[in-house]
Amino acid sequence: MYCVESLDQHSSGSVLDIAEIDASDSIRHKLYSMGLMPGNSIKIISGSYNHPYLLQTSVSRIILDYTTVKMIKVYKQ
């Protein structure tokens, strides 16, 4: 069974599927333009509460702040 939780709940090395983006339309569209959209997989390269998150998508690496990372909801098995 799958449940949905915030991306910041996972550690470096985790590969996860995006479930939804819980943000305003403008932020959601910016994240979509970077390839962060529901159904896509991402890998957490590094990141924590006090440091930016480095994420790997299928085509690029993206750096996001902790507040934005909390808006990304992922599936957990």
C-alpha atoms as a PDB file:
ATOM      1  CA  MET A   1       0.000   0.000   0.000  1.00  0.00           C
ATOM      2  CA  TYR A   2       1.199   3.511  -0.796  1.00  0.00           C
ATOM      3  CA  CYS A   3       0.905   6.595   1.351  1.00  0.00           C
ATOM      4  CA  VAL A   4       1.833  10.178   0.537  1.00  0.00           C
ATOM      5  CA  GLU A   5       4.275  12.237   2.567  1.00  0.00           C
ATOM      6  CA  SER A   6       6.463  15.276   2.177  1.00  0.00           C
ATOM      7  CA  LEU A   7       9.795  14.893   0.350  1.00  0.00           C
ATOM      8  CA  ASP A   8      11.724  16.302   3.336  1.00  0.00           C
ATOM      9  CA  GLN A   9      10.834  13.133   5.285  1.00  0.00           C
ATOM     10  CA  HIS A  10      13.299  11.136   3.169  1.00  0.00           C
ATOM     11  CA  SER A  11      17.070  10.904   3.214  1.00  0.00           C
ATOM     12  CA  SER A  12      19.848  11.180   0.660  1.00  0.00           C
ATOM     13  CA  GLY A  13      19.876   8.342  -1.828  1.00  0.00           C
ATOM     14  CA  SER A  14      16.098   7.887  -1.793  1.00  0.00           C
ATOM     15  CA  VAL A  15      14.436   7.475  -5.197  1.00  0.00           C
ATOM     16  CA  LEU A  16      10.775   8.465  -5.079  1.00  0.00           C
ATOM     17  CA  ASP A  17       7.803   9.124  -7.329  1.00  0.00           C
ATOM     18  CA  ILE A  18       6.132  12.521  -7.057  1.00  0.00           C
ATOM     19  CA  ALA A  19       2.477  12.295  -6.013  1.00  0.00           C
ATOM     20  CA  GLU A  20       1.555  15.989  -6.004  1.00  0.00           C
ATOM     21  CA  ILE A  21       2.841  19.524  -5.504  1.00  0.00           C
ATOM     22  CA  ASP A  22       1.066  21.275  -2.625  1.00  0.00           C
ATOM     23  CA  ALA A  23       1.775  24.888  -3.633  1.00  0.00           C
ATOM     24  CA  SER A  24       0.283  27.937  -5.287  1.00  0.00           C
ATOM     25  CA  ASP A  25      -0.297  27.805  -9.037  1.00  0.00           C
ATOM     26  CA  SER A  26       2.743  29.976  -9.777  1.00  0.00           C
ATOM     27  CA  ILE A  27       5.137  27.839  -7.722  1.00  0.00           C
ATOM     28  CA  ARG A  28       3.615  24.614  -9.065  1.00  0.00           C
ATOM     29  CA  HIS A  29       4.116  25.782 -12.672  1.00  0.00           C
ATOM     30  CA  LYS A  30       7.745  26.721 -11.959  1.00  0.00           C
ATOM     31  CA  LEU A  31       8.397  23.278 -10.495  1.00  0.00           C
ATOM     32  CA  TYR A  32       6.632  21.621 -13.449  1.00  0.00           C
ATOM     33  CA  SER A  33       8.891  23.549 -15.830  1.00  0.00           C
ATOM     34  CA  MET A  34      11.897  22.021 -14.020  1.00  0.00           C
ATOM     35  CA  GLY A  35      10.532  18.518 -14.554  1.00  0.00           C
ATOM     36  CA  LEU A  36       9.098  18.117 -11.063  1.00  0.00           C
ATOM     37  CA  MET A  37       5.569  16.921 -11.753  1.00  0.00           C
ATOM     38  CA  PRO A  38       3.329  14.102 -10.545  1.00  0.00           C
ATOM     39  CA  GLY A  39       4.369  10.729 -11.886  1.00  0.00           C
ATOM     40  CA  ASN A  40       8.035  11.650 -12.349  1.00  0.00           C
ATOM     41  CA  SER A  41      10.778  10.012 -10.276  1.00  0.00           C
ATOM     42  CA  ILE A  42      13.376  11.989  -8.365  1.00  0.00           C
ATOM     43  CA  LYS A  43      16.441  11.075  -6.355  1.00  0.00           C
ATOM     44  CA  ILE A  44      17.614  13.007  -3.313  1.00  0.00           C
ATOM     45  CA  ILE A  45      21.341  13.601  -3.744  1.00  0.00           C
ATOM     46  CA  SER A  46      21.723  15.676  -0.569  1.00  0.00           C
ATOM     47  CA  GLY A  47      19.867  18.104   1.663  1.00  0.00           C
ATOM     48  CA  SER A  48      18.559  18.783   5.142  1.00  0.00           C
ATOM     49  CA  TYR A  49      16.641  21.334   7.165  1.00  0.00           C
ATOM     50  CA  ASN A  50      19.528  23.807   7.243  1.00  0.00           C
ATOM     51  CA  HIS A  51      20.883  23.137   3.757  1.00  0.00           C
ATOM     52  CA  PRO A  52      19.419  23.260   0.241  1.00  0.00           C
ATOM     53  CA  TYR A  53      18.290  20.017  -1.368  1.00  0.00           C
ATOM     54  CA  LEU A  54      20.024  18.726  -4.478  1.00  0.00           C
ATOM     55  CA  LEU A  55      17.615  16.568  -6.494  1.00  0.00           C
ATOM     56  CA  GLN A  56      18.229  14.469  -9.601  1.00  0.00           C
ATOM     57  CA  THR A  57      15.487  14.170 -12.205  1.00  0.00           C
ATOM     58  CA  SER A  58      15.692  12.076 -15.360  1.00  0.00           C
ATOM     59  CA  VAL A  59      17.339  14.961 -17.231  1.00  0.00           C
ATOM     60  CA  SER A  60      18.880  17.391 -14.733  1.00  0.00           C
ATOM     61  CA  ARG A  61      19.905  18.270 -11.209  1.00  0.00           C
ATOM     62  CA  ILE A  62      17.931  20.881  -9.292  1.00  0.00           C
ATOM     63  CA  ILE A  63      18.645  22.759  -6.065  1.00  0.00           C
ATOM     64  CA  LEU A  64      15.633  23.719  -3.917  1.00  0.00           C
ATOM     65  CA  ASP A  65      15.248  25.279  -0.498  1.00  0.00           C
ATOM     66  CA  TYR A  66      13.709  23.376   2.409  1.00  0.00           C
ATOM     67  CA  THR A  67      10.397  25.291   2.246  1.00  0.00           C
ATOM     68  CA  THR A  68       9.876  24.309  -1.389  1.00  0.00           C
ATOM     69  CA  VAL A  69      10.912  20.702  -0.773  1.00  0.00           C
ATOM     70  CA  LYS A  70       8.168  20.422   1.873  1.00  0.00           C
ATOM     71  CA  MET A  71       5.597  21.275  -0.830  1.00  0.00           C
ATOM     72  CA  ILE A  72       6.561  18.201  -2.870  1.00  0.00           C
ATOM     73  CA  LYS A  73       4.547  15.150  -1.838  1.00  0.00           C
ATOM     74  CA  VAL A  74       5.873  11.711  -2.752  1.00  0.00           C
ATOM     75  CA  TYR A  75       4.645   8.126  -2.575  1.00  0.00           C
ATOM     76  CA  LYS A  76       6.115   5.896   0.106  1.00  0.00           C
ATOM     77  CA  GLN A  77       5.708   2.121   0.085  1.00  0.00           C
END
